[in-house]
Amino acid sequence: MNYAADSKTMKEIDSFSINYGMPSLVLMERAAYSVCEEIIKNESKKSSILVICGYGNNGGDGIAIARILREFGYYADILMVGNSQKRTEDNEKQEKIAKKLVNYVNKSKIFEYNIIVDAIFGIG
């Protein structure tokens, strides 16, 4: 049987991992790779993928997803939404890593994609 954690339990798991010494950027990369594994298993490289990202840590996961997909030869772009004044430090770090690999697009292009990944809101 598979279990899904609610947001309270997920926060506790994240907090435990970070307090144990696992950097939150490592958690972001792991989450991103998990999503990418599913996309790679189920979609061809002909797919056009849009990752819609907020400015929190879940958005940082999304930025990493787009970057990793690009590294694997997929066409993936990023659309940032929300209040940029609330950007987390890790989100900003992910953007600095991805900036040279991934295109950032505006809302007018949203219907040009056949896969959309929601990385707007997380457990916070």
PDB file of N, CA and C in Angstrom:
ATOM      1  N   MET A   1       0.835  -1.171   0.000  1.00  0.00           N
ATOM      2  CA  MET A   1       0.000   0.000   0.000  1.00  0.00           C
ATOM      3  C   MET A   1       0.884   1.240   0.000  1.00  0.00           C
ATOM      4  N   ASN A   2       0.498   2.249  -0.782  1.00  0.00           N
ATOM      5  CA  ASN A   2       1.205   3.528  -0.819  1.00  0.00           C
ATOM      6  C   ASN A   2       0.497   4.521   0.080  1.00  0.00           C
ATOM      7  N   TYR A   3       1.288   5.323   0.749  1.00  0.00           N
ATOM      8  CA  TYR A   3       0.736   6.338   1.636  1.00  0.00           C
ATOM      9  C   TYR A   3       1.107   7.718   1.127  1.00  0.00           C
ATOM     10  N   ALA A   4       0.220   8.661   1.304  1.00  0.00           N
ATOM     11  CA  ALA A   4       0.499  10.058   0.963  1.00  0.00           C
ATOM     12  C   ALA A   4       0.502  10.862   2.256  1.00  0.00           C
ATOM     13  N   ALA A   5       1.504  11.673   2.400  1.00  0.00           N
ATOM     14  CA  ALA A   5       1.608  12.503   3.601  1.00  0.00           C
ATOM     15  C   ALA A   5       0.808  13.783   3.413  1.00  0.00           C
ATOM     16  N   ASP A   6       0.161  14.227   4.483  1.00  0.00           N
ATOM     17  CA  ASP A   6      -0.514  15.527   4.430  1.00  0.00           C
ATOM     18  C   ASP A   6       0.534  16.623   4.609  1.00  0.00           C
ATOM     19  N   SER A   7       0.113  17.887   4.473  1.00  0.00           N
ATOM     20  CA  SER A   7       1.091  18.981   4.510  1.00  0.00           C
ATOM     21  C   SER A   7       1.804  19.083   5.863  1.00  0.00           C
ATOM     22  N   LYS A   8       1.091  18.805   6.952  1.00  0.00           N
ATOM     23  CA  LYS A   8       1.722  18.879   8.276  1.00  0.00           C
ATOM     24  C   LYS A   8       2.832  17.829   8.401  1.00  0.00           C
ATOM     25  N   THR A   9       2.529  16.604   7.976  1.00  0.00           N
ATOM     26  CA  THR A   9       3.521  15.525   8.042  1.00  0.00           C
ATOM     27  C   THR A   9       4.688  15.821   7.110  1.00  0.00           C
ATOM     28  N   MET A  10       4.397  16.343   5.916  1.00  0.00           N
ATOM     29  CA  MET A  10       5.461  16.664   4.971  1.00  0.00           C
ATOM     30  C   MET A  10       6.385  17.735   5.517  1.00  0.00           C
ATOM     31  N   LYS A  11       5.824  18.740   6.196  1.00  0.00           N
ATOM     32  CA  LYS A  11       6.650  19.776   6.823  1.00  0.00           C
ATOM     33  C   LYS A  11       7.576  19.151   7.873  1.00  0.00           C
ATOM     34  N   GLU A  12       7.043  18.203   8.644  1.00  0.00           N
ATOM     35  CA  GLU A  12       7.849  17.530   9.663  1.00  0.00           C
ATOM     36  C   GLU A  12       8.976  16.727   9.027  1.00  0.00           C
ATOM     37  N   ILE A  13       8.671  16.046   7.925  1.00  0.00           N
ATOM     38  CA  ILE A  13       9.689  15.260   7.214  1.00  0.00           C
ATOM     39  C   ILE A  13      10.771  16.189   6.674  1.00  0.00           C
ATOM     40  N   ASP A  14      10.369  17.279   6.021  1.00  0.00           N
ATOM     41  CA  ASP A  14      11.344  18.257   5.506  1.00  0.00           C
ATOM     42  C   ASP A  14      12.194  18.820   6.631  1.00  0.00           C
ATOM     43  N   SER A  15      11.544  19.211   7.717  1.00  0.00           N
ATOM     44  CA  SER A  15      12.250  19.798   8.857  1.00  0.00           C
ATOM     45  C   SER A  15      13.248  18.794   9.445  1.00  0.00           C
ATOM     46  N   PHE A  16      12.820  17.548   9.591  1.00  0.00           N
ATOM     47  CA  PHE A  16      13.715  16.513  10.115  1.00  0.00           C
ATOM     48  C   PHE A  16      14.925  16.356   9.199  1.00  0.00           C
ATOM     49  N   SER A  17      14.679  16.284   7.885  1.00  0.00           N
ATOM     50  CA  SER A  17      15.782  16.098   6.931  1.00  0.00           C
ATOM     51  C   SER A  17      16.760  17.255   6.980  1.00  0.00           C
ATOM     52  N   ILE A  18      16.234  18.480   7.032  1.00  0.00           N
ATOM     53  CA  ILE A  18      17.099  19.658   7.071  1.00  0.00           C
ATOM     54  C   ILE A  18      17.861  19.720   8.388  1.00  0.00           C
ATOM     55  N   ASN A  19      17.183  19.435   9.503  1.00  0.00           N
ATOM     56  CA  ASN A  19      17.849  19.444  10.812  1.00  0.00           C
ATOM     57  C   ASN A  19      18.873  18.322  10.934  1.00  0.00           C
ATOM     58  N   TYR A  20      18.662  17.243  10.206  1.00  0.00           N
ATOM     59  CA  TYR A  20      19.596  16.122  10.187  1.00  0.00           C
ATOM     60  C   TYR A  20      20.874  16.497   9.433  1.00  0.00           C
ATOM     61  N   GLY A  21      20.809  17.557   8.647  1.00  0.00           N
ATOM     62  CA  GLY A  21      21.987  18.020   7.940  1.00  0.00           C
ATOM     63  C   GLY A  21      21.855  18.002   6.422  1.00  0.00           C
ATOM     64  N   MET A  22      20.680  17.613   5.920  1.00  0.00           N
ATOM     65  CA  MET A  22      20.487  17.590   4.475  1.00  0.00           C
ATOM     66  C   MET A  22      20.115  18.991   4.001  1.00  0.00           C
ATOM     67  N   PRO A  23      20.943  19.609   3.156  1.00  0.00           N
ATOM     68  CA  PRO A  23      20.624  20.952   2.660  1.00  0.00           C
ATOM     69  C   PRO A  23      19.318  20.948   1.867  1.00  0.00           C
ATOM     70  N   SER A  24      18.548  22.008   1.989  1.00  0.00           N
ATOM     71  CA  SER A  24      17.268  22.075   1.291  1.00  0.00           C
ATOM     72  C   SER A  24      17.450  22.034  -0.227  1.00  0.00           C
ATOM     73  N   LEU A  25      18.579  22.498  -0.736  1.00  0.00           N
ATOM     74  CA  LEU A  25      18.828  22.402  -2.182  1.00  0.00           C
ATOM     75  C   LEU A  25      18.933  20.944  -2.632  1.00  0.00           C
ATOM     76  N   VAL A  26      19.453  20.090  -1.764  1.00  0.00           N
ATOM     77  CA  VAL A  26      19.517  18.659  -2.086  1.00  0.00           C
ATOM     78  C   VAL A  26      18.103  18.085  -2.130  1.00  0.00           C
ATOM     79  N   LEU A  27      17.258  18.491  -1.191  1.00  0.00           N
ATOM     80  CA  LEU A  27      15.865  18.038  -1.210  1.00  0.00           C
ATOM     81  C   LEU A  27      15.171  18.495  -2.495  1.00  0.00           C
ATOM     82  N   MET A  28      15.448  19.721  -2.927  1.00  0.00           N
ATOM     83  CA  MET A  28      14.877  20.231  -4.173  1.00  0.00           C
ATOM     84  C   MET A  28      15.309  19.376  -5.357  1.00  0.00           C
ATOM     85  N   GLU A  29      16.587  19.069  -5.420  1.00  0.00           N
ATOM     86  CA  GLU A  29      17.106  18.263  -6.530  1.00  0.00           C
ATOM     87  C   GLU A  29      16.469  16.874  -6.543  1.00  0.00           C
ATOM     88  N   ARG A  30      16.326  16.275  -5.373  1.00  0.00           N
ATOM     89  CA  ARG A  30      15.701  14.946  -5.296  1.00  0.00           C
ATOM     90  C   ARG A  30      14.250  14.995  -5.772  1.00  0.00           C
ATOM     91  N   ALA A  31      13.515  15.993  -5.330  1.00  0.00           N
ATOM     92  CA  ALA A  31      12.118  16.141  -5.758  1.00  0.00           C
ATOM     93  C   ALA A  31      12.064  16.342  -7.270  1.00  0.00           C
ATOM     94  N   ALA A  32      12.934  17.188  -7.782  1.00  0.00           N
ATOM     95  CA  ALA A  32      12.951  17.469  -9.216  1.00  0.00           C
ATOM     96  C   ALA A  32      13.279  16.214 -10.026  1.00  0.00           C
ATOM     97  N   TYR A  33      14.272  15.461  -9.596  1.00  0.00           N
ATOM     98  CA  TYR A  33      14.630  14.231 -10.311  1.00  0.00           C
ATOM     99  C   TYR A  33      13.488  13.224 -10.306  1.00  0.00           C
ATOM    100  N   SER A  34      12.744  13.153  -9.218  1.00  0.00           N
ATOM    101  CA  SER A  34      11.602  12.231  -9.162  1.00  0.00           C
ATOM    102  C   SER A  34      10.544  12.594 -10.195  1.00  0.00           C
ATOM    103  N   VAL A  35      10.242  13.874 -10.302  1.00  0.00           N
ATOM    104  CA  VAL A  35       9.271  14.327 -11.307  1.00  0.00           C
ATOM    105  C   VAL A  35       9.819  14.059 -12.708  1.00  0.00           C
ATOM    106  N   CYS A  36      11.068  14.369 -12.923  1.00  0.00           N
ATOM    107  CA  CYS A  36      11.682  14.163 -14.238  1.00  0.00           C
ATOM    108  C   CYS A  36      11.683  12.694 -14.646  1.00  0.00           C
ATOM    109  N   GLU A  37      11.940  11.800 -13.694  1.00  0.00           N
ATOM    110  CA  GLU A  37      11.907  10.361 -13.992  1.00  0.00           C
ATOM    111  C   GLU A  37      10.559   9.952 -14.559  1.00  0.00           C
ATOM    112  N   GLU A  38       9.480  10.467 -13.976  1.00  0.00           N
ATOM    113  CA  GLU A  38       8.132  10.132 -14.453  1.00  0.00           C
ATOM    114  C   GLU A  38       7.883  10.700 -15.846  1.00  0.00           C
ATOM    115  N   ILE A  39       8.303  11.917 -16.069  1.00  0.00           N
ATOM    116  CA  ILE A  39       8.113  12.526 -17.389  1.00  0.00           C
ATOM    117  C   ILE A  39       8.917  11.762 -18.433  1.00  0.00           C
ATOM    118  N   ILE A  40      10.156  11.442 -18.118  1.00  0.00           N
ATOM    119  CA  ILE A  40      11.021  10.728 -19.060  1.00  0.00           C
ATOM    120  C   ILE A  40      10.456   9.334 -19.370  1.00  0.00           C
ATOM    121  N   LYS A  41       9.879   8.674 -18.367  1.00  0.00           N
ATOM    122  CA  LYS A  41       9.278   7.350 -18.569  1.00  0.00           C
ATOM    123  C   LYS A  41       8.063   7.403 -19.488  1.00  0.00           C
ATOM    124  N   ASN A  42       7.325   8.507 -19.414  1.00  0.00           N
ATOM    125  CA  ASN A  42       6.018   8.555 -20.061  1.00  0.00           C
ATOM    126  C   ASN A  42       5.906   9.471 -21.270  1.00  0.00           C
ATOM    127  N   GLU A  43       6.899  10.287 -21.532  1.00  0.00           N
ATOM    128  CA  GLU A  43       6.791  11.268 -22.610  1.00  0.00           C
ATOM    129  C   GLU A  43       8.009  11.217 -23.529  1.00  0.00           C
ATOM    130  N   SER A  44       7.771  11.543 -24.781  1.00  0.00           N
ATOM    131  CA  SER A  44       8.880  11.589 -25.738  1.00  0.00           C
ATOM    132  C   SER A  44       9.556  12.961 -25.665  1.00  0.00           C
ATOM    133  N   LYS A  45      10.724  13.020 -26.257  1.00  0.00           N
ATOM    134  CA  LYS A  45      11.458  14.285 -26.285  1.00  0.00           C
ATOM    135  C   LYS A  45      10.808  15.294 -27.218  1.00  0.00           C
ATOM    136  N   LYS A  46       9.791  14.874 -27.943  1.00  0.00           N
ATOM    137  CA  LYS A  46       9.060  15.797 -28.814  1.00  0.00           C
ATOM    138  C   LYS A  46       8.057  16.635 -28.021  1.00  0.00           C
ATOM    139  N   SER A  47       7.803  16.249 -26.790  1.00  0.00           N
ATOM    140  CA  SER A  47       6.851  16.983 -25.943  1.00  0.00           C
ATOM    141  C   SER A  47       7.394  18.372 -25.630  1.00  0.00           C
ATOM    142  N   SER A  48       6.491  19.332 -25.575  1.00  0.00           N
ATOM    143  CA  SER A  48       6.885  20.664 -25.118  1.00  0.00           C
ATOM    144  C   SER A  48       6.309  20.840 -23.715  1.00  0.00           C
ATOM    145  N   ILE A  49       7.185  21.204 -22.790  1.00  0.00           N
ATOM    146  CA  ILE A  49       6.850  21.209 -21.370  1.00  0.00           C
ATOM    147  C   ILE A  49       6.994  22.622 -20.810  1.00  0.00           C
ATOM    148  N   LEU A  50       5.975  23.031 -20.079  1.00  0.00           N
ATOM    149  CA  LEU A  50       6.024  24.306 -19.374  1.00  0.00           C
ATOM    150  C   LEU A  50       5.948  24.022 -17.889  1.00  0.00           C
ATOM    151  N   VAL A  51       6.895  24.561 -17.140  1.00  0.00           N
ATOM    152  CA  VAL A  51       6.885  24.436 -15.691  1.00  0.00           C
ATOM    153  C   VAL A  51       6.497  25.809 -15.135  1.00  0.00           C
ATOM    154  N   ILE A  52       5.335  25.860 -14.484  1.00  0.00           N
ATOM    155  CA  ILE A  52       4.866  27.118 -13.905  1.00  0.00           C
ATOM    156  C   ILE A  52       5.335  27.161 -12.459  1.00  0.00           C
ATOM    157  N   CYS A  53       6.143  28.158 -12.138  1.00  0.00           N
ATOM    158  CA  CYS A  53       6.818  28.218 -10.848  1.00  0.00           C
ATOM    159  C   CYS A  53       6.421  29.463 -10.060  1.00  0.00           C
ATOM    160  N   GLY A  54       6.207  29.266  -8.775  1.00  0.00           N
ATOM    161  CA  GLY A  54       6.069  30.377  -7.860  1.00  0.00           C
ATOM    162  C   GLY A  54       7.447  30.784  -7.372  1.00  0.00           C
ATOM    163  N   TYR A  55       7.482  31.669  -6.414  1.00  0.00           N
ATOM    164  CA  TYR A  55       8.756  32.192  -5.914  1.00  0.00           C
ATOM    165  C   TYR A  55       9.194  31.550  -4.595  1.00  0.00           C
ATOM    166  N   GLY A  56       8.471  30.547  -4.152  1.00  0.00           N
ATOM    167  CA  GLY A  56       8.858  29.824  -2.943  1.00  0.00           C
ATOM    168  C   GLY A  56       9.727  28.632  -3.286  1.00  0.00           C
ATOM    169  N   ASN A  57       9.914  27.762  -2.302  1.00  0.00           N
ATOM    170  CA  ASN A  57      10.769  26.602  -2.525  1.00  0.00           C
ATOM    171  C   ASN A  57      10.163  25.598  -3.500  1.00  0.00           C
ATOM    172  N   ASN A  58       8.831  25.492  -3.560  1.00  0.00           N
ATOM    173  CA  ASN A  58       8.230  24.609  -4.546  1.00  0.00           C
ATOM    174  C   ASN A  58       8.537  25.118  -5.957  1.00  0.00           C
ATOM    175  N   GLY A  59       8.556  26.421  -6.108  1.00  0.00           N
ATOM    176  CA  GLY A  59       8.960  27.005  -7.378  1.00  0.00           C
ATOM    177  C   GLY A  59      10.412  26.687  -7.697  1.00  0.00           C
ATOM    178  N   GLY A  60      11.242  26.631  -6.665  1.00  0.00           N
ATOM    179  CA  GLY A  60      12.644  26.217  -6.848  1.00  0.00           C
ATOM    180  C   GLY A  60      12.728  24.793  -7.365  1.00  0.00           C
ATOM    181  N   ASP A  61      11.854  23.917  -6.836  1.00  0.00           N
ATOM    182  CA  ASP A  61      11.768  22.544  -7.361  1.00  0.00           C
ATOM    183  C   ASP A  61      11.443  22.589  -8.853  1.00  0.00           C
ATOM    184  N   GLY A  62      10.483  23.439  -9.208  1.00  0.00           N
ATOM    185  CA  GLY A  62      10.059  23.545 -10.599  1.00  0.00           C
ATOM    186  C   GLY A  62      11.165  24.035 -11.518  1.00  0.00           C
ATOM    187  N   ILE A  63      11.917  25.013 -11.056  1.00  0.00           N
ATOM    188  CA  ILE A  63      13.043  25.513 -11.850  1.00  0.00           C
ATOM    189  C   ILE A  63      14.037  24.381 -12.092  1.00  0.00           C
ATOM    190  N   ALA A  64      14.308  23.595 -11.044  1.00  0.00           N
ATOM    191  CA  ALA A  64      15.215  22.456 -11.181  1.00  0.00           C
ATOM    192  C   ALA A  64      14.641  21.417 -12.151  1.00  0.00           C
ATOM    193  N   ILE A  65      13.331  21.205 -12.126  1.00  0.00           N
ATOM    194  CA  ILE A  65      12.699  20.260 -13.047  1.00  0.00           C
ATOM    195  C   ILE A  65      12.958  20.686 -14.498  1.00  0.00           C
ATOM    196  N   ALA A  66      12.700  21.946 -14.794  1.00  0.00           N
ATOM    197  CA  ALA A  66      12.906  22.437 -16.158  1.00  0.00           C
ATOM    198  C   ALA A  66      14.370  22.289 -16.576  1.00  0.00           C
ATOM    199  N   ARG A  67      15.277  22.629 -15.689  1.00  0.00           N
ATOM    200  CA  ARG A  67      16.714  22.519 -15.999  1.00  0.00           C
ATOM    201  C   ARG A  67      17.110  21.076 -16.275  1.00  0.00           C
ATOM    202  N   ILE A  68      16.681  20.176 -15.416  1.00  0.00           N
ATOM    203  CA  ILE A  68      17.042  18.759 -15.572  1.00  0.00           C
ATOM    204  C   ILE A  68      16.449  18.198 -16.869  1.00  0.00           C
ATOM    205  N   LEU A  69      15.203  18.549 -17.159  1.00  0.00           N
ATOM    206  CA  LEU A  69      14.605  18.087 -18.414  1.00  0.00           C
ATOM    207  C   LEU A  69      15.402  18.591 -19.611  1.00  0.00           C
ATOM    208  N   ARG A  70      15.831  19.835 -19.560  1.00  0.00           N
ATOM    209  CA  ARG A  70      16.667  20.380 -20.645  1.00  0.00           C
ATOM    210  C   ARG A  70      17.975  19.591 -20.759  1.00  0.00           C
ATOM    211  N   GLU A  71      18.558  19.254 -19.610  1.00  0.00           N
ATOM    212  CA  GLU A  71      19.804  18.487 -19.624  1.00  0.00           C
ATOM    213  C   GLU A  71      19.615  17.121 -20.270  1.00  0.00           C
ATOM    214  N   PHE A  72      18.395  16.563 -20.180  1.00  0.00           N
ATOM    215  CA  PHE A  72      18.086  15.274 -20.787  1.00  0.00           C
ATOM    216  C   PHE A  72      17.546  15.415 -22.211  1.00  0.00           C
ATOM    217  N   GLY A  73      17.580  16.611 -22.764  1.00  0.00           N
ATOM    218  CA  GLY A  73      17.198  16.812 -24.147  1.00  0.00           C
ATOM    219  C   GLY A  73      15.732  17.099 -24.392  1.00  0.00           C
ATOM    220  N   TYR A  74      14.981  17.429 -23.342  1.00  0.00           N
ATOM    221  CA  TYR A  74      13.571  17.776 -23.484  1.00  0.00           C
ATOM    222  C   TYR A  74      13.434  19.279 -23.662  1.00  0.00           C
ATOM    223  N   TYR A  75      12.352  19.680 -24.319  1.00  0.00           N
ATOM    224  CA  TYR A  75      12.051  21.095 -24.486  1.00  0.00           C
ATOM    225  C   TYR A  75      11.202  21.531 -23.301  1.00  0.00           C
ATOM    226  N   ALA A  76      11.789  22.293 -22.392  1.00  0.00           N
ATOM    227  CA  ALA A  76      11.091  22.735 -21.178  1.00  0.00           C
ATOM    228  C   ALA A  76      11.367  24.205 -20.934  1.00  0.00           C
ATOM    229  N   ASP A  77      10.304  24.940 -20.703  1.00  0.00           N
ATOM    230  CA  ASP A  77      10.397  26.362 -20.391  1.00  0.00           C
ATOM    231  C   ASP A  77       9.818  26.625 -19.006  1.00  0.00           C
ATOM    232  N   ILE A  78      10.068  27.829 -18.506  1.00  0.00           N
ATOM    233  CA  ILE A  78       9.579  28.234 -17.180  1.00  0.00           C
ATOM    234  C   ILE A  78       8.712  29.476 -17.321  1.00  0.00           C
ATOM    235  N   LEU A  79       7.602  29.470 -16.593  1.00  0.00           N
ATOM    236  CA  LEU A  79       6.757  30.651 -16.428  1.00  0.00           C
ATOM    237  C   LEU A  79       6.704  30.956 -14.939  1.00  0.00           C
ATOM    238  N   MET A  80       7.216  32.107 -14.536  1.00  0.00           N
ATOM    239  CA  MET A  80       7.192  32.519 -13.135  1.00  0.00           C
ATOM    240  C   MET A  80       5.903  33.280 -12.860  1.00  0.00           C
ATOM    241  N   VAL A  81       5.234  32.952 -11.750  1.00  0.00           N
ATOM    242  CA  VAL A  81       4.004  33.636 -11.357  1.00  0.00           C
ATOM    243  C   VAL A  81       4.063  33.959  -9.870  1.00  0.00           C
ATOM    244  N   GLY A  82       3.365  34.997  -9.471  1.00  0.00           N
ATOM    245  CA  GLY A  82       3.305  35.348  -8.063  1.00  0.00           C
ATOM    246  C   GLY A  82       4.100  36.597  -7.750  1.00  0.00           C
ATOM    247  N   ASN A  83       4.373  36.767  -6.473  1.00  0.00           N
ATOM    248  CA  ASN A  83       5.035  37.962  -5.958  1.00  0.00           C
ATOM    249  C   ASN A  83       6.541  37.720  -5.859  1.00  0.00           C
ATOM    250  N   SER A  84       7.287  38.325  -6.755  1.00  0.00           N
ATOM    251  CA  SER A  84       8.743  38.127  -6.765  1.00  0.00           C
ATOM    252  C   SER A  84       9.418  38.660  -5.505  1.00  0.00           C
ATOM    253  N   GLN A  85       8.728  39.535  -4.757  1.00  0.00           N
ATOM    254  CA  GLN A  85       9.278  40.060  -3.506  1.00  0.00           C
ATOM    255  C   GLN A  85       9.353  38.966  -2.436  1.00  0.00           C
ATOM    256  N   LYS A  86       8.609  37.879  -2.637  1.00  0.00           N
ATOM    257  CA  LYS A  86       8.591  36.781  -1.663  1.00  0.00           C
ATOM    258  C   LYS A  86       9.498  35.623  -2.077  1.00  0.00           C
ATOM    259  N   ARG A  87      10.397  35.866  -3.005  1.00  0.00           N
ATOM    260  CA  ARG A  87      11.310  34.826  -3.497  1.00  0.00           C
ATOM    261  C   ARG A  87      12.185  34.317  -2.361  1.00  0.00           C
ATOM    262  N   THR A  88      12.288  32.995  -2.255  1.00  0.00           N
ATOM    263  CA  THR A  88      13.163  32.403  -1.247  1.00  0.00           C
ATOM    264  C   THR A  88      14.594  32.356  -1.767  1.00  0.00           C
ATOM    265  N   GLU A  89      15.512  32.228  -0.847  1.00  0.00           N
ATOM    266  CA  GLU A  89      16.931  32.167  -1.199  1.00  0.00           C
ATOM    267  C   GLU A  89      17.217  30.964  -2.096  1.00  0.00           C
ATOM    268  N   ASP A  90      16.617  29.810  -1.776  1.00  0.00           N
ATOM    269  CA  ASP A  90      16.868  28.606  -2.574  1.00  0.00           C
ATOM    270  C   ASP A  90      16.242  28.707  -3.962  1.00  0.00           C
ATOM    271  N   ASN A  91      15.114  29.371  -4.081  1.00  0.00           N
ATOM    272  CA  ASN A  91      14.503  29.603  -5.386  1.00  0.00           C
ATOM    273  C   ASN A  91      15.457  30.433  -6.249  1.00  0.00           C
ATOM    274  N   GLU A  92      16.023  31.460  -5.653  1.00  0.00           N
ATOM    275  CA  GLU A  92      16.959  32.323  -6.369  1.00  0.00           C
ATOM    276  C   GLU A  92      18.210  31.550  -6.795  1.00  0.00           C
ATOM    277  N   LYS A  93      18.689  30.670  -5.921  1.00  0.00           N
ATOM    278  CA  LYS A  93      19.861  29.852  -6.265  1.00  0.00           C
ATOM    279  C   LYS A  93      19.550  28.936  -7.444  1.00  0.00           C
ATOM    280  N   GLN A  94      18.356  28.338  -7.435  1.00  0.00           N
ATOM    281  CA  GLN A  94      17.982  27.459  -8.543  1.00  0.00           C
ATOM    282  C   GLN A  94      17.905  28.245  -9.853  1.00  0.00           C
ATOM    283  N   GLU A  95      17.385  29.464  -9.780  1.00  0.00           N
ATOM    284  CA  GLU A  95      17.302  30.272 -10.996  1.00  0.00           C
ATOM    285  C   GLU A  95      18.697  30.602 -11.534  1.00  0.00           C
ATOM    286  N   LYS A  96      19.623  30.908 -10.655  1.00  0.00           N
ATOM    287  CA  LYS A  96      20.985  31.216 -11.100  1.00  0.00           C
ATOM    288  C   LYS A  96      21.613  30.020 -11.806  1.00  0.00           C
ATOM    289  N   ILE A  97      21.315  28.813 -11.327  1.00  0.00           N
ATOM    290  CA  ILE A  97      21.838  27.600 -11.960  1.00  0.00           C
ATOM    291  C   ILE A  97      21.187  27.400 -13.335  1.00  0.00           C
ATOM    292  N   ALA A  98      19.883  27.618 -13.414  1.00  0.00           N
ATOM    293  CA  ALA A  98      19.116  27.287 -14.624  1.00  0.00           C
ATOM    294  C   ALA A  98      19.145  28.370 -15.693  1.00  0.00           C
ATOM    295  N   LYS A  99      19.499  29.584 -15.318  1.00  0.00           N
ATOM    296  CA  LYS A  99      19.342  30.750 -16.191  1.00  0.00           C
ATOM    297  C   LYS A  99      19.898  30.559 -17.604  1.00  0.00           C
ATOM    298  N   LYS A 100      21.031  29.919 -17.737  1.00  0.00           N
ATOM    299  CA  LYS A 100      21.669  29.783 -19.044  1.00  0.00           C
ATOM    300  C   LYS A 100      21.127  28.595 -19.845  1.00  0.00           C
ATOM    301  N   LEU A 101      20.333  27.746 -19.201  1.00  0.00           N
ATOM    302  CA  LEU A 101      19.839  26.542 -19.873  1.00  0.00           C
ATOM    303  C   LEU A 101      18.367  26.595 -20.254  1.00  0.00           C
ATOM    304  N   VAL A 102      17.591  27.353 -19.517  1.00  0.00           N
ATOM    305  CA  VAL A 102      16.141  27.303 -19.648  1.00  0.00           C
ATOM    306  C   VAL A 102      15.597  28.656 -20.086  1.00  0.00           C
ATOM    307  N   ASN A 103      14.596  28.611 -20.956  1.00  0.00           N
ATOM    308  CA  ASN A 103      13.923  29.837 -21.387  1.00  0.00           C
ATOM    309  C   ASN A 103      12.823  30.209 -20.402  1.00  0.00           C
ATOM    310  N   TYR A 104      12.673  31.485 -20.156  1.00  0.00           N
ATOM    311  CA  TYR A 104      11.570  32.005 -19.356  1.00  0.00           C
ATOM    312  C   TYR A 104      10.581  32.634 -20.338  1.00  0.00           C
ATOM    313  N   VAL A 105       9.308  32.307 -20.172  1.00  0.00           N
ATOM    314  CA  VAL A 105       8.284  32.770 -21.109  1.00  0.00           C
ATOM    315  C   VAL A 105       7.222  33.564 -20.374  1.00  0.00           C
ATOM    316  N   ASN A 106       6.331  34.198 -21.153  1.00  0.00           N
ATOM    317  CA  ASN A 106       5.228  34.939 -20.545  1.00  0.00           C
ATOM    318  C   ASN A 106       3.917  34.168 -20.724  1.00  0.00           C
ATOM    319  N   LYS A 107       2.871  34.632 -20.110  1.00  0.00           N
ATOM    320  CA  LYS A 107       1.586  33.931 -20.093  1.00  0.00           C
ATOM    321  C   LYS A 107       0.983  33.725 -21.476  1.00  0.00           C
ATOM    322  N   SER A 108       1.302  34.552 -22.417  1.00  0.00           N
ATOM    323  CA  SER A 108       0.676  34.442 -23.729  1.00  0.00           C
ATOM    324  C   SER A 108       1.044  33.145 -24.449  1.00  0.00           C
ATOM    325  N   LYS A 109       2.077  32.455 -24.008  1.00  0.00           N
ATOM    326  CA  LYS A 109       2.522  31.237 -24.668  1.00  0.00           C
ATOM    327  C   LYS A 109       2.030  29.950 -23.998  1.00  0.00           C
ATOM    328  N   ILE A 110       1.212  30.059 -22.981  1.00  0.00           N
ATOM    329  CA  ILE A 110       0.844  28.899 -22.179  1.00  0.00           C
ATOM    330  C   ILE A 110       0.173  27.777 -22.980  1.00  0.00           C
ATOM    331  N   PHE A 111      -0.585  28.109 -24.014  1.00  0.00           N
ATOM    332  CA  PHE A 111      -1.312  27.094 -24.765  1.00  0.00           C
ATOM    333  C   PHE A 111      -0.468  26.412 -25.838  1.00  0.00           C
ATOM    334  N   GLU A 112       0.782  26.768 -25.939  1.00  0.00           N
ATOM    335  CA  GLU A 112       1.674  26.143 -26.908  1.00  0.00           C
ATOM    336  C   GLU A 112       2.314  24.861 -26.368  1.00  0.00           C
ATOM    337  N   TYR A 113       2.032  24.500 -25.133  1.00  0.00           N
ATOM    338  CA  TYR A 113       2.671  23.353 -24.490  1.00  0.00           C
ATOM    339  C   TYR A 113       1.677  22.208 -24.342  1.00  0.00           C
ATOM    340  N   ASN A 114       2.192  20.973 -24.446  1.00  0.00           N
ATOM    341  CA  ASN A 114       1.295  19.837 -24.235  1.00  0.00           C
ATOM    342  C   ASN A 114       1.446  19.220 -22.848  1.00  0.00           C
ATOM    343  N   ILE A 115       2.444  19.647 -22.070  1.00  0.00           N
ATOM    344  CA  ILE A 115       2.595  19.216 -20.680  1.00  0.00           C
ATOM    345  C   ILE A 115       2.841  20.456 -19.831  1.00  0.00           C
ATOM    346  N   ILE A 116       2.084  20.582 -18.751  1.00  0.00           N
ATOM    347  CA  ILE A 116       2.293  21.693 -17.824  1.00  0.00           C
ATOM    348  C   ILE A 116       2.534  21.109 -16.445  1.00  0.00           C
ATOM    349  N   VAL A 117       3.638  21.497 -15.833  1.00  0.00           N
ATOM    350  CA  VAL A 117       3.991  21.070 -14.483  1.00  0.00           C
ATOM    351  C   VAL A 117       3.685  22.225 -13.540  1.00  0.00           C
ATOM    352  N   ASP A 118       2.899  21.941 -12.509  1.00  0.00           N
ATOM    353  CA  ASP A 118       2.514  22.940 -11.509  1.00  0.00           C
ATOM    354  C   ASP A 118       3.538  22.930 -10.381  1.00  0.00           C
ATOM    355  N   ALA A 119       4.310  24.001 -10.275  1.00  0.00           N
ATOM    356  CA  ALA A 119       5.271  24.158  -9.174  1.00  0.00           C
ATOM    357  C   ALA A 119       5.030  25.521  -8.513  1.00  0.00           C
ATOM    358  N   ILE A 120       3.760  25.840  -8.350  1.00  0.00           N
ATOM    359  CA  ILE A 120       3.417  27.144  -7.801  1.00  0.00           C
ATOM    360  C   ILE A 120       3.386  27.092  -6.273  1.00  0.00           C
ATOM    361  N   PHE A 121       2.538  26.239  -5.738  1.00  0.00           N
ATOM    362  CA  PHE A 121       2.378  26.153  -4.291  1.00  0.00           C
ATOM    363  C   PHE A 121       2.923  24.836  -3.779  1.00  0.00           C
ATOM    364  N   GLY A 122       3.526  24.878  -2.619  1.00  0.00           N
ATOM    365  CA  GLY A 122       4.037  23.672  -1.986  1.00  0.00           C
ATOM    366  C   GLY A 122       3.306  23.431  -0.674  1.00  0.00           C
ATOM    367  N   ILE A 123       4.007  22.904   0.288  1.00  0.00           N
ATOM    368  CA  ILE A 123       3.395  22.566   1.573  1.00  0.00           C
ATOM    369  C   ILE A 123       3.252  23.758   2.495  1.00  0.00           C
ATOM    370  N   GLY A 124       3.910  24.871   2.140  1.00  0.00           N
ATOM    371  CA  GLY A 124       3.851  26.065   2.979  1.00  0.00           C
ATOM    372  C   GLY A 124       2.578  26.821   2.781  1.00  0.00           C
TER     373      GLY A 124
END
